[in-house]
Protein backbone atom coordinates (compact mmCIF):
# COMPACT_ATOMS: atom_id res chain seq x y z
CA UNK A 1 0.00 0.00 0.00
CA UNK A 2 1.36 3.40 -1.06
CA UNK A 3 1.35 6.10 1.54
CA UNK A 4 1.61 9.87 1.36
CA UNK A 5 4.34 11.28 3.53
CA UNK A 6 5.37 14.67 4.69
CA UNK A 7 1.98 16.10 4.01
CA UNK A 8 2.57 18.36 6.98
CA UNK A 9 5.36 20.16 5.15
CA UNK A 10 3.01 20.79 2.22
CA UNK A 11 0.39 22.22 4.51
CA UNK A 12 2.96 24.21 6.43
CA UNK A 13 4.13 25.97 3.28
CA UNK A 14 0.61 27.29 2.67
CA UNK A 15 -0.65 28.65 5.96
CA UNK A 16 -3.68 30.49 4.67
CA UNK A 17 -4.16 33.32 4.09
CA UNK A 18 -1.24 35.52 5.22
CA UNK A 19 1.87 33.42 4.70
CA UNK A 20 0.49 32.04 1.46
CA UNK A 21 -0.16 35.51 0.03
CA UNK A 22 3.31 36.80 1.05
CA UNK A 23 5.11 33.81 -0.49
CA UNK A 24 3.01 33.98 -3.61
CA UNK A 25 3.72 37.67 -4.21
CA UNK A 26 7.43 37.02 -3.90
CA UNK A 27 7.63 34.41 -6.66
CA UNK A 28 4.97 35.33 -9.27
CA UNK A 29 2.96 38.28 -10.70
CA UNK A 30 -0.18 39.53 -9.00
CA UNK A 31 -2.70 37.98 -11.44
CA UNK A 32 -1.12 34.52 -11.34
CA UNK A 33 -0.80 34.79 -7.58
CA UNK A 34 -4.55 35.42 -7.22
CA UNK A 35 -5.35 32.44 -9.43
CA UNK A 36 -3.01 30.22 -7.37
CA UNK A 37 -4.64 31.28 -4.10
CA UNK A 38 -8.11 30.62 -5.52
CA UNK A 39 -7.05 27.16 -6.69
CA UNK A 40 -5.41 26.33 -3.37
CA UNK A 41 -8.47 27.44 -1.40
CA UNK A 42 -10.75 25.31 -3.58
CA UNK A 43 -8.49 22.31 -3.11
CA UNK A 44 -8.42 22.70 0.64
CA UNK A 45 -12.19 22.86 0.80
CA UNK A 46 -12.53 19.73 -1.29
CA UNK A 47 -9.98 17.90 0.83
CA UNK A 48 -11.84 18.91 3.95
CA UNK A 49 -15.03 17.45 2.53
CA UNK A 50 -13.59 14.08 1.52
CA UNK A 51 -10.79 13.36 3.99
CA UNK A 52 -12.94 13.70 7.04
CA UNK A 53 -12.90 15.57 10.29
CA UNK A 54 -9.82 13.76 11.60
CA UNK A 55 -7.60 15.34 8.93
CA UNK A 56 -9.15 18.77 9.45
CA UNK A 57 -8.78 18.51 13.20
CA UNK A 58 -5.15 17.56 12.85
CA UNK A 59 -4.56 20.49 10.51
CA UNK A 60 -6.46 22.99 12.65
CA UNK A 61 -4.86 21.85 15.92
CA UNK A 62 -1.40 21.86 14.41
CA UNK A 63 -0.84 18.08 14.71
CA UNK A 64 1.69 16.62 12.30
CA UNK A 65 0.40 13.95 9.96
CA UNK A 66 3.28 11.93 8.68
CA UNK A 67 1.41 9.14 6.91
CA UNK A 68 -2.02 9.07 5.27
CA UNK A 69 -3.22 5.85 3.71
CA UNK A 70 -5.20 5.57 0.50
CA UNK A 71 -7.96 3.94 2.50
CA UNK A 72 -9.11 7.38 3.56
CA UNK A 73 -9.91 8.24 -0.06
CA UNK A 74 -11.79 4.98 -0.48
CA UNK A 75 -14.29 6.24 2.06
CA UNK A 76 -15.38 9.05 -0.30
CA UNK A 77 -19.10 8.68 -0.79
CA UNK A 78 -19.37 10.15 -4.33
CA UNK A 79 -16.37 10.49 -6.61
CA UNK A 80 -18.39 12.09 -9.37
CA UNK A 81 -19.12 14.95 -7.07
CA UNK A 82 -15.38 15.39 -6.49
CA UNK A 83 -14.63 15.64 -10.21
CA UNK A 84 -17.62 17.87 -10.69
CA UNK A 85 -16.18 20.32 -8.16
CA UNK A 86 -12.85 20.23 -10.01
CA UNK A 87 -14.57 21.04 -13.32
CA UNK A 88 -16.48 23.88 -11.67
CA UNK A 89 -13.28 25.34 -10.37
CA UNK A 90 -11.67 25.11 -13.84
CA UNK A 91 -14.66 26.83 -15.38
CA UNK A 92 -14.37 29.50 -12.73
CA UNK A 93 -10.71 29.90 -13.57
CA UNK A 94 -11.44 30.25 -17.29
CA UNK A 95 -14.19 32.78 -16.56
CA UNK A 96 -11.82 34.82 -14.40
CA UNK A 97 -9.16 34.72 -17.14
CA UNK A 98 -11.63 36.00 -19.71
CA UNK A 99 -12.75 38.74 -17.34
CA UNK A 100 -9.17 39.76 -16.68
CA UNK A 101 -8.47 39.88 -20.44
CA UNK A 102 -11.51 42.13 -20.93
CA UNK A 103 -10.37 44.36 -18.11
CA UNK A 104 -6.87 44.61 -19.65
CA UNK A 105 -8.38 45.53 -23.03
CA UNK A 106 -10.53 48.22 -21.43
CA UNK A 107 -7.49 49.52 -19.56
CA UNK A 108 -5.51 49.83 -22.82
CA UNK A 109 -8.44 51.60 -24.46
CA UNK A 110 -8.65 54.08 -21.60
CA UNK A 111 -4.90 54.62 -21.76
CA UNK A 112 -5.07 55.38 -25.51
CA UNK A 113 -7.98 57.76 -24.90
CA UNK A 114 -5.96 59.58 -22.25
CA UNK A 115 -3.03 59.97 -24.65
CA UNK A 116 -5.35 61.33 -27.35
CA UNK A 117 -6.76 63.86 -24.93
CA UNK A 118 -3.24 64.90 -23.95
CA UNK A 119 -2.39 65.53 -27.61
CA UNK A 120 -5.55 67.56 -28.06
CA UNK A 121 -4.65 69.53 -24.97
CA UNK A 122 -1.17 70.32 -26.40
CA UNK A 123 -2.69 71.41 -29.72
CA UNK A 124 -5.22 73.58 -27.95
CA UNK A 125 -2.46 75.15 -25.86
CA UNK A 126 -0.40 75.95 -28.99
CA UNK A 127 -3.47 77.33 -30.76
CA UNK A 128 -4.24 79.49 -27.76
CA UNK A 129 -0.67 80.83 -27.75
CA UNK A 130 -0.95 81.67 -31.47
CA UNK A 131 -4.21 83.47 -30.90
CA UNK A 132 -2.69 85.44 -28.03
CA UNK A 133 0.27 86.40 -30.24
CA UNK A 134 -2.13 87.54 -32.99
CA UNK A 135 -4.08 89.57 -30.46
CA UNK A 136 -0.87 91.26 -29.30
CA UNK A 137 0.06 92.00 -32.93
CA UNK A 138 -3.38 93.46 -33.59
CA UNK A 139 -3.04 95.67 -30.54
CA UNK A 140 0.34 96.92 -31.77
CA UNK A 141 -1.16 97.64 -35.21
CA UNK A 142 -4.02 99.53 -33.60
CA UNK A 143 -1.59 101.65 -31.62
CA UNK A 144 0.46 102.38 -34.74
CA UNK A 145 -2.74 103.43 -36.54
CA UNK A 146 -3.59 105.76 -33.68
CA UNK A 147 -0.14 107.33 -33.88
CA UNK A 148 -0.28 107.67 -37.69
CA UNK A 149 -3.73 109.23 -37.44
CA UNK A 150 -2.41 111.58 -34.81
CA UNK A 151 0.52 112.63 -36.97
CA UNK A 152 -1.57 113.18 -40.04
CA UNK A 153 -1.96 111.58 -43.46
CA UNK A 154 1.21 110.27 -45.14
CA UNK A 155 2.77 112.44 -47.78
CA UNK A 156 3.22 109.71 -50.35
CA UNK A 157 1.54 110.86 -53.51
CA UNK A 158 1.00 108.86 -56.70
CA UNK A 159 3.67 109.47 -59.30
CA UNK A 160 2.24 110.59 -62.62
CA UNK A 161 4.05 110.56 -65.94
CA UNK A 162 5.96 113.79 -66.66
CA UNK A 163 4.68 116.35 -69.09
CA UNK A 164 6.14 116.29 -72.55
CA UNK A 165 9.12 118.59 -72.96
CA UNK A 166 8.99 121.61 -75.22
CA UNK A 167 10.35 120.82 -78.64
CA UNK A 168 13.68 122.51 -79.32
CA UNK A 169 12.59 123.60 -82.79
CA UNK A 170 10.47 121.95 -85.42
CA UNK A 171 12.21 123.64 -88.37
CA UNK A 172 15.93 123.23 -89.08
CA UNK A 173 18.10 125.72 -87.24
CA UNK A 174 21.10 127.57 -88.54
CA UNK A 175 24.48 126.28 -87.38
CA UNK A 176 26.04 128.12 -84.43
CA UNK A 177 28.21 131.12 -85.09
CA UNK A 178 31.97 130.86 -85.46
CA UNK A 179 33.66 130.59 -82.08
CA UNK A 180 30.45 129.45 -80.41
CA UNK A 181 31.04 126.79 -77.73
CA UNK A 182 28.25 124.27 -77.36
CA UNK A 183 26.91 122.92 -74.10
CA UNK A 184 24.17 120.38 -73.58
CA UNK A 185 21.52 122.96 -72.56
CA UNK A 186 22.27 125.15 -75.62
CA UNK A 187 22.95 122.57 -78.35
CA UNK A 188 21.04 119.46 -77.36
CA UNK A 189 17.31 118.84 -77.86
CA UNK A 190 16.04 117.39 -74.58
CA UNK A 191 12.51 116.98 -75.95
CA UNK A 192 13.65 113.79 -77.69
CA UNK A 193 15.15 112.35 -74.52
CA UNK A 194 12.57 112.09 -71.76
CA UNK A 195 13.63 110.50 -68.49
CA UNK A 196 11.25 107.63 -69.27
CA UNK A 197 12.40 107.23 -72.89
CA UNK A 198 15.02 104.54 -71.98
CA UNK A 199 17.59 106.37 -74.15
CA UNK A 200 16.79 105.11 -77.69
CA UNK A 201 19.67 105.53 -80.17
CA UNK A 202 19.82 105.23 -83.94
CA UNK A 203 22.93 103.98 -85.73
CA UNK A 204 23.46 105.19 -89.30
CA UNK A 205 24.51 102.40 -91.67
CA UNK A 206 28.07 102.49 -93.03
CA UNK A 207 29.42 101.82 -96.52
CA UNK A 208 32.75 100.12 -97.17
CA UNK A 209 33.91 100.46 -93.57
CA UNK A 210 37.44 99.85 -92.37
CA UNK A 211 37.94 96.85 -90.05
CA UNK A 212 37.96 99.10 -87.00
CA UNK A 213 34.84 100.97 -88.08
CA UNK A 214 33.12 97.66 -88.88
CA UNK A 215 33.97 96.37 -85.39
CA UNK A 216 32.52 99.48 -83.78
CA UNK A 217 29.38 99.35 -85.93
CA UNK A 218 28.73 95.69 -85.01
CA UNK A 219 29.22 96.54 -81.35
CA UNK A 220 26.90 99.55 -81.35
CA UNK A 221 24.15 97.88 -83.35
CA UNK A 222 23.98 95.14 -80.71
CA UNK A 223 23.19 97.63 -77.94
CA UNK A 224 19.79 97.13 -76.24
CA UNK A 225 19.14 100.88 -76.69
CA UNK A 226 19.18 100.70 -80.50
CA UNK A 227 15.97 101.58 -82.33
CA UNK A 228 15.21 101.37 -86.04
CA UNK A 229 12.96 104.44 -85.93
CA UNK A 230 15.29 107.40 -86.30
CA UNK A 231 12.44 109.86 -85.82
CA UNK A 232 11.86 108.61 -82.28
CA UNK A 233 15.53 108.29 -81.35
CA UNK A 234 17.11 110.38 -78.64
CA UNK A 235 20.64 110.22 -80.11
CA UNK A 236 21.86 109.52 -83.63
CA UNK A 237 25.31 107.98 -84.03
CA UNK A 238 27.25 108.37 -87.27
CA UNK A 239 30.65 106.75 -87.74
CA UNK A 240 32.92 109.26 -89.46
CA UNK A 241 34.37 108.16 -92.76
CA UNK A 242 34.75 111.60 -94.35
CA UNK A 243 35.63 115.13 -93.26
CA UNK A 244 33.22 117.10 -95.45
CA UNK A 245 30.40 118.73 -93.51
CA UNK A 246 28.20 118.65 -96.62
CA UNK A 247 28.13 114.87 -96.41
CA UNK A 248 26.78 115.00 -92.86
CA UNK A 249 24.19 117.67 -93.71
CA UNK A 250 22.57 115.17 -96.11
CA UNK A 251 21.82 112.71 -93.32
CA UNK A 252 18.05 112.23 -92.91
CA UNK A 253 17.94 113.32 -89.25
CA UNK A 254 20.65 115.99 -89.31
CA UNK A 255 18.00 118.74 -88.98
CA UNK A 256 20.27 121.45 -90.36
CA UNK A 257 22.64 121.71 -87.39
CA UNK A 258 23.37 118.14 -86.27
CA UNK A 259 21.56 118.37 -82.94
CA UNK A 260 21.48 115.12 -80.92
CA UNK A 261 24.13 113.60 -83.21
CA UNK A 262 27.41 111.94 -82.21
CA UNK A 263 30.18 112.00 -84.81
CA UNK A 264 32.27 108.98 -83.88
CA UNK A 265 35.83 109.34 -85.22
CA UNK A 266 37.42 105.91 -84.84
CA UNK A 267 40.23 106.07 -87.41
CA UNK A 268 41.55 109.37 -85.97
CA UNK A 269 40.61 111.28 -89.12
CA UNK A 270 40.83 115.10 -89.25
CA UNK A 271 37.96 116.84 -87.57
CA UNK A 272 34.87 117.74 -89.58
CA UNK A 273 35.21 121.30 -90.77
CA UNK A 274 32.33 123.69 -90.22
CA UNK A 275 29.90 124.78 -87.53
CA UNK A 276 27.34 122.35 -86.13
CA UNK A 277 25.77 121.22 -82.88
CA UNK A 278 26.84 117.59 -83.05
CA UNK A 279 28.90 115.96 -80.33
CA UNK A 280 32.37 114.84 -81.37
CA UNK A 281 33.70 111.59 -79.96
CA UNK A 282 37.38 110.95 -80.68
CA UNK A 283 40.79 110.55 -79.05
CA UNK A 284 42.52 113.84 -80.00
CA UNK A 285 41.07 117.34 -80.48
CA UNK A 286 42.35 120.57 -81.87
CA UNK A 287 39.58 122.30 -79.93
CA UNK A 288 37.50 120.42 -77.39
CA UNK A 289 34.24 121.66 -75.98
CA UNK A 290 34.35 120.77 -72.26
CA UNK A 291 31.43 118.74 -70.90
CA UNK A 292 30.03 118.43 -74.42
CA UNK A 293 32.47 116.54 -76.61
CA UNK A 294 33.48 113.00 -75.62
CA UNK A 295 37.17 112.18 -75.23
CA UNK A 296 37.62 108.50 -76.09
CA UNK A 297 40.28 106.30 -74.52
CA UNK A 298 42.99 104.58 -76.50
CA UNK A 299 42.77 100.85 -77.20
CA UNK A 300 45.61 98.88 -78.76
CA UNK A 301 44.23 95.34 -78.76
CA UNK A 302 40.78 93.90 -78.47
CA UNK A 303 41.87 90.58 -76.97
CA UNK A 304 44.08 90.77 -73.87
CA UNK A 305 46.02 87.92 -72.35
CA UNK A 306 45.13 88.55 -68.75
CA UNK A 307 47.62 86.01 -67.45
CA UNK A 308 50.52 88.13 -68.79
CA UNK A 309 49.51 91.32 -66.96
CA UNK A 310 51.92 92.37 -64.17
CA UNK A 311 50.93 91.62 -60.60
CA UNK A 312 49.78 94.43 -58.36
CA UNK A 313 52.10 93.32 -55.57
CA UNK A 314 54.63 93.95 -54.18
CA UNK A 315 54.09 97.65 -53.71
CA UNK A 316 57.74 98.60 -54.30
CA UNK A 317 59.46 98.32 -57.68
CA UNK A 318 62.84 99.11 -59.16
CA UNK A 319 61.97 102.75 -60.03
CA UNK A 320 59.93 105.10 -57.90
CA UNK A 321 59.21 107.44 -60.83
CA UNK A 322 59.83 107.26 -64.57
CA UNK A 323 59.27 109.38 -67.68
CA UNK A 324 59.98 108.76 -71.33
CA UNK A 325 58.92 111.61 -73.59
CA UNK A 326 59.80 114.42 -75.94
CA UNK A 327 59.01 118.10 -75.50
CA UNK A 328 57.54 120.07 -78.40
CA UNK A 329 60.06 122.06 -80.42
CA UNK A 330 58.31 125.40 -79.78
CA UNK A 331 57.93 124.94 -76.02
CA UNK A 332 58.85 128.18 -74.29
CA UNK A 333 58.70 126.84 -70.73
CA UNK A 334 62.35 125.82 -70.47
CA UNK A 335 62.20 126.09 -66.68
CA UNK A 336 59.73 123.24 -66.55
CA UNK A 337 61.96 121.03 -68.74
CA UNK A 338 64.99 121.84 -66.58
CA UNK A 339 63.11 120.94 -63.39
CA UNK A 340 61.93 117.70 -65.00
CA UNK A 341 65.42 116.67 -66.08
CA UNK A 342 66.87 117.62 -62.67
CA UNK A 343 64.76 114.91 -61.00
CA UNK A 344 66.74 112.15 -62.72
CA UNK A 345 68.78 110.41 -60.06
CA UNK A 346 69.68 106.72 -59.73
CA UNK A 347 70.16 107.23 -55.99
CA UNK A 348 66.50 108.24 -55.56
CA UNK A 349 65.23 105.59 -58.06
CA UNK A 350 63.97 108.27 -60.47
CA UNK A 351 64.63 107.84 -64.21
CA UNK A 352 63.83 110.72 -66.61
CA UNK A 353 64.43 110.89 -70.36
CA UNK A 354 63.12 113.95 -72.26
CA UNK A 355 64.81 113.16 -75.58
CA UNK A 356 63.60 109.69 -76.40
CA UNK A 357 62.64 110.65 -79.98
CA UNK A 358 65.89 112.32 -81.01
CA UNK A 359 66.90 111.26 -84.50
CA UNK A 360 63.51 109.62 -85.28
CA UNK A 361 62.15 112.58 -87.27
CA UNK A 362 58.82 112.65 -85.41
CA UNK A 363 57.11 116.03 -85.04
CA UNK A 364 55.58 116.69 -81.64
CA UNK A 365 53.27 119.71 -81.66
CA UNK A 366 52.44 118.76 -78.07
CA UNK A 367 54.21 116.57 -75.54
CA UNK A 368 54.99 113.13 -76.96
CA UNK A 369 55.44 110.02 -74.85
CA UNK A 370 57.66 107.08 -75.68
CA UNK A 371 56.37 103.71 -74.62
CA UNK A 372 58.96 101.61 -72.83
CA UNK A 373 57.19 98.56 -71.47
CA UNK A 374 60.18 97.36 -69.47
CA UNK A 375 60.47 100.70 -67.66
CA UNK A 376 56.71 100.89 -66.99
CA UNK A 377 56.51 97.41 -65.48
CA UNK A 378 59.34 98.27 -63.08
CA UNK A 379 58.02 101.72 -62.06
CA UNK A 380 55.68 102.64 -59.24
CA UNK A 381 54.71 105.99 -60.78
CA UNK A 382 55.01 107.42 -64.29
CA UNK A 383 54.58 111.00 -65.50
CA UNK A 384 52.03 111.93 -68.19
CA UNK A 385 52.17 115.55 -69.36
CA UNK A 386 48.96 116.97 -70.81
CA UNK A 387 48.33 120.10 -72.83
CA UNK A 388 47.63 123.44 -71.21
CA UNK A 389 45.10 124.67 -73.79
CA UNK A 390 41.87 123.34 -75.32
CA UNK A 391 43.68 120.91 -77.60
CA UNK A 392 44.09 117.23 -76.69
CA UNK A 393 46.84 115.02 -78.04
CA UNK A 394 46.60 111.28 -78.60
CA UNK A 395 49.89 110.58 -76.77
CA UNK A 396 48.57 111.05 -73.21
CA UNK A 397 45.73 108.59 -73.99
CA UNK A 398 48.23 105.99 -75.26
CA UNK A 399 50.48 106.48 -72.26
CA UNK A 400 47.53 106.24 -69.88
CA UNK A 401 46.46 102.94 -71.46
CA UNK A 402 49.99 101.49 -71.17
CA UNK A 403 50.40 102.66 -67.56
CA UNK A 404 47.13 101.13 -66.38
CA UNK A 405 47.90 97.91 -68.20
CA UNK A 406 51.31 97.71 -66.51
CA UNK A 407 49.95 98.42 -63.02
CA UNK A 408 51.81 101.77 -62.88
CA UNK A 409 50.15 104.76 -61.22
CA UNK A 410 49.88 107.71 -63.68
CA UNK A 411 50.92 111.18 -62.50
CA UNK A 412 49.04 113.78 -64.57
CA UNK A 413 50.97 117.04 -64.82
CA UNK A 414 48.70 119.67 -66.33
CA UNK A 415 44.98 119.68 -66.98
CA UNK A 416 42.96 116.53 -66.27
CA UNK A 417 40.64 117.52 -69.12
CA UNK A 418 42.59 115.13 -71.35
CA UNK A 419 41.43 112.12 -69.33
CA UNK A 420 38.98 110.08 -71.41
CA UNK A 421 35.34 109.96 -70.35
CA UNK A 422 36.03 112.33 -67.49
CA UNK A 423 32.95 112.71 -65.31
CA UNK A 424 31.92 109.12 -65.85
CA UNK A 425 35.07 107.20 -64.94
CA UNK A 426 36.27 108.01 -61.41
CA UNK A 427 39.86 108.82 -62.35
CA UNK A 428 40.51 110.28 -58.90
CA UNK A 429 40.76 106.73 -57.56
CA UNK A 430 43.41 105.61 -60.06
CA UNK A 431 45.55 108.64 -61.06
CA UNK A 432 47.19 111.56 -59.27
CA UNK A 433 46.62 114.94 -60.95
CA UNK A 434 48.96 117.81 -60.03
CA UNK A 435 49.57 121.24 -61.57
CA UNK A 436 52.86 121.75 -63.40
CA UNK A 437 54.31 124.15 -60.78
CA UNK A 438 54.41 121.17 -58.38
CA UNK A 439 57.16 119.55 -60.48
CA UNK A 440 59.89 120.43 -57.99
CA UNK A 441 57.93 118.89 -55.10
CA UNK A 442 56.83 115.79 -56.94
CA UNK A 443 59.39 113.34 -55.50
CA UNK A 444 58.72 114.56 -51.96
CA UNK A 445 54.95 114.06 -52.44
CA UNK A 446 55.36 110.56 -53.87
CA UNK A 447 57.67 109.37 -51.11
CA UNK A 448 55.05 110.30 -48.50
CA UNK A 449 52.34 108.11 -50.06
CA UNK A 450 51.95 104.98 -47.90
CA UNK A 451 52.19 101.56 -49.46
CA UNK A 452 48.54 100.77 -48.68
CA UNK A 453 47.46 103.73 -50.83
CA UNK A 454 49.78 102.60 -53.62
CA UNK A 455 48.12 99.17 -53.70
CA UNK A 456 44.67 100.80 -53.67
CA UNK A 457 45.57 103.07 -56.61
CA UNK A 458 46.76 100.04 -58.56
CA UNK A 459 43.60 98.08 -57.77
CA UNK A 460 41.36 100.91 -58.95
CA UNK A 461 43.49 101.37 -62.06
CA UNK A 462 43.18 97.68 -62.89
CA UNK A 463 39.43 97.88 -62.34
CA UNK A 464 39.11 100.85 -64.72
CA UNK A 465 41.27 99.09 -67.27
CA UNK A 466 39.17 95.94 -67.04
CA UNK A 467 35.73 97.55 -67.10
CA UNK A 468 36.24 100.38 -69.60
CA UNK A 469 39.45 100.00 -71.64
CA UNK A 470 39.88 96.27 -72.20
CA UNK A 471 37.83 95.89 -75.41
CA UNK A 472 35.91 97.77 -78.08
CA UNK A 473 32.64 96.47 -76.68
CA UNK A 474 33.44 97.86 -73.25
CA UNK A 475 34.48 101.24 -74.61
CA UNK A 476 31.37 101.55 -76.84
CA UNK A 477 29.07 100.75 -73.92
CA UNK A 478 30.96 103.20 -71.72
CA UNK A 479 30.65 105.99 -74.30
CA UNK A 480 26.87 105.58 -74.53
CA UNK A 481 26.53 105.28 -70.77
CA UNK A 482 28.51 108.47 -70.19
CA UNK A 483 26.19 110.45 -72.47
CA UNK A 484 23.13 108.86 -70.88
CA UNK A 485 24.44 109.87 -67.45
CA UNK A 486 24.94 113.45 -68.62
CA UNK A 487 21.30 113.56 -69.79
CA UNK A 488 20.02 112.15 -66.49
CA UNK A 489 18.38 109.03 -67.97
CA UNK A 490 18.34 105.81 -66.00
CA UNK A 491 19.72 102.62 -67.57
CA UNK A 492 17.59 99.72 -68.69
CA UNK A 493 16.53 97.24 -66.00
CA UNK A 494 18.72 94.19 -65.75
CA UNK A 495 17.10 91.26 -67.60
CA UNK A 496 15.51 88.74 -65.26
CA UNK A 497 17.46 85.47 -65.30
CA UNK A 498 15.61 82.21 -65.69
CA UNK A 499 16.24 79.83 -62.84
CA UNK A 500 15.75 76.07 -62.72
CA UNK A 501 12.96 74.92 -60.44
CA UNK A 502 14.29 72.78 -57.61
CA UNK A 503 11.01 71.95 -55.90
CA UNK A 504 8.10 70.19 -57.56
CA UNK A 505 5.33 67.77 -56.65
CA UNK A 506 7.79 64.94 -56.08
CA UNK A 507 10.19 67.17 -54.13
CA UNK A 508 8.10 69.76 -52.26
CA UNK A 509 9.63 72.58 -50.32
CA UNK A 510 9.95 71.94 -46.62
CA UNK A 511 8.88 74.78 -44.37
CA UNK A 512 9.26 75.37 -40.68
CA UNK A 513 6.71 77.27 -38.62
CA UNK A 514 8.11 78.65 -35.40
CA UNK A 515 6.10 77.97 -32.30
CA UNK A 516 4.41 80.91 -30.66
CA UNK A 517 6.33 80.53 -27.42
CA UNK A 518 9.63 80.89 -29.30
CA UNK A 519 8.81 84.01 -31.29
CA UNK A 520 9.60 86.55 -28.58
CA UNK A 521 12.89 84.86 -27.75
CA UNK A 522 14.15 84.36 -31.29
CA UNK A 523 12.67 87.27 -33.23
CA UNK A 524 12.54 89.97 -30.59
CA UNK A 525 9.56 92.08 -29.54
CA UNK A 526 6.54 92.47 -31.77
CA UNK A 527 6.17 95.45 -34.06
CA UNK A 528 3.65 96.62 -36.58
CA UNK A 529 3.79 94.95 -39.96
CA UNK A 530 4.98 96.99 -42.93
CA UNK A 531 5.27 96.31 -46.68
CA UNK A 532 8.47 95.15 -48.31
CA UNK A 533 10.78 97.96 -49.47
CA UNK A 534 10.13 99.00 -53.02
CA UNK A 535 12.80 100.16 -55.44
CA UNK A 536 12.39 103.89 -55.97
CA UNK A 537 15.44 104.78 -58.05
CA UNK A 538 14.06 103.77 -61.42
CA UNK A 539 14.60 107.21 -62.90
CA UNK A 540 16.99 108.81 -60.40
CA UNK A 541 19.89 106.35 -60.20
CA UNK A 542 22.11 108.96 -61.90
CA UNK A 543 21.76 111.18 -58.81
CA UNK A 544 23.92 108.85 -56.74
CA UNK A 545 27.37 109.95 -55.70
CA UNK A 546 30.04 110.05 -58.40
CA UNK A 547 32.29 108.08 -56.07
CA UNK A 548 30.20 105.01 -56.79
CA UNK A 549 31.78 102.82 -59.51
CA UNK A 550 29.92 103.63 -62.71
CA UNK A 551 29.44 100.08 -63.91
CA UNK A 552 25.73 100.90 -64.27
CA UNK A 553 24.96 99.78 -67.78
CA UNK A 554 21.85 98.15 -66.30
CA UNK A 555 19.51 99.12 -63.50
CA UNK A 556 19.61 96.76 -60.51
CA UNK A 557 16.93 96.59 -57.79
CA UNK A 558 19.55 96.97 -55.08
CA UNK A 559 23.27 97.60 -54.82
CA UNK A 560 25.82 97.64 -51.97
CA UNK A 561 26.06 101.42 -52.34
CA UNK A 562 22.39 102.20 -51.70
CA UNK A 563 21.92 104.91 -49.13
CA UNK A 564 20.25 103.83 -45.92
CA UNK A 565 17.30 105.61 -44.38
CA UNK A 566 17.75 106.55 -40.69
CA UNK A 567 15.41 104.72 -38.35
CA UNK A 568 13.89 107.96 -37.05
CA UNK A 569 13.06 109.25 -40.54
CA UNK A 570 9.61 107.63 -40.54
CA UNK A 571 8.54 109.94 -37.73
CA UNK A 572 7.41 112.82 -39.88
CA UNK A 573 7.48 115.40 -37.09
CA UNK A 574 4.53 117.30 -38.48
CA UNK A 575 2.65 116.95 -35.18
CA UNK A 576 4.24 116.30 -31.82
CA UNK A 577 2.93 113.04 -30.37
CA UNK A 578 0.91 113.64 -27.23
CA UNK A 579 2.42 111.60 -24.40
CA UNK A 580 -0.90 111.50 -22.54
CA UNK A 581 -2.61 110.16 -25.63
CA UNK A 582 -0.05 107.36 -26.02
CA UNK A 583 -0.33 106.43 -22.33
CA UNK A 584 -4.12 106.27 -22.57
CA UNK A 585 -3.94 104.01 -25.60
CA UNK A 586 -1.47 101.73 -23.82
CA UNK A 587 -3.73 101.57 -20.76
CA UNK A 588 -6.70 100.61 -22.92
CA UNK A 589 -4.74 97.85 -24.58
CA UNK A 590 -3.43 96.55 -21.28
CA UNK A 591 -6.90 96.61 -19.75
CA UNK A 592 -8.14 94.20 -22.40
CA UNK A 593 -5.63 91.63 -21.12
CA UNK A 594 -7.10 91.70 -17.60
């Protein structure tokens, strides 16, 4: 017969309910622990029903039962009832498991609902902050409107088109008298050149042109200002191929006196003889009309090898000052020549040669200059002597071109009227102009120029050489721009470039919207909204300072040289702002926050 032993140890491990619950919680989760306790309790009750009062008494009184025979189980009255109780307890366990699963599902649903409500709360908080920021902005706008109303209406008035200018003369005019000096107000017809006309020009066709004239014609005809209607043109350009005034008087738009015409002398032909109101554009003049005629620069080659140009550094070179030239035979100012020759000194790095053309049978009615590229490249400064009357020689223009190309700073002794396109090109940044009586003090002046200024002069000279003197195209555009600037007409707007779209439906643009709570910290305090700045120099760009580099062949919306408006300029000052009024408005706005 098989016996059960040590049943007392089994019962001792499950003293119900306190020790059992403590041990259970230590070794398993809460749910499983509850199920174990329920199962143990059911088992104990069933054992108490079938094992008899002796077993229960021994358990309750603490007696130790070491052996229990199977005969005790044989005394069970109804075994089916025992198994029925077991099945009931299993069904109860399954029912409790299902109920616990339902409770866990409901708990998860409630947890998800709580998270959704938290998200809605965050969105509502952000929306509320945005609305509060908008309210603050509206209050600031209202206060600005009060102040503007207090000051008075703005003085911005709509800009209407200008009235048409009075026609200079419908019928042909007689040419000016002999000795008459033309100026733009007296010899130019402004009625053809309104500030909104965009400077239309008409180019006369040429017959059998020379290669240089053909190059200039092709360059001018490609200008965006060119029009085919000569009757509506502001300026008419004729390339000189003859010297007879009768030939020019037969031009269809000559109008008897050549008003609004430019006679472009490219091949350095003799000047047109006669009296007329046309503008002469050439390199040399027997008689130049200041601020009316156009002095052209000299160009030797249309294609420049930029890699062969001398470097702008170092600042010091072999010679401080150089001059290679020839004085005119009839020059009476021998004192000036003596002072010039006396500056020659190898000890002071000054090299002077006033007889470079001796034996070459070259007549010099004015000062001639000999080009010595090796001397120019190794000189910091070079002297260019200009005429002292109203005549302009071609030699200073050639020497100026060579000096700028070599990175040498030109020293103009005499009148700066000989400088090409003066008034348009800012020569003050690239050359040093001194009167002839300063010849004895020249070396002293040059030695006191710091090296930083020397480098700056060279940089500006290289810029002028690159932008205005490096090709025929550049010089033609500069000539037209200089006349347009004299007339006070703005350039054409810069053409709008076409850009490639980066963003599309497949690659949309990503944007970032700053949160309301970050606006004050990142963008500063709120202020009233205002429109974007509009460009207002469409027809007044020529009023800007002459110190600005005149590379303005096109009109740009903005430039680094735009003048800034002071921050206090928007306060018109027509009416003093009442402090009490402002305080009352602020109090009203603050009261709405309460």
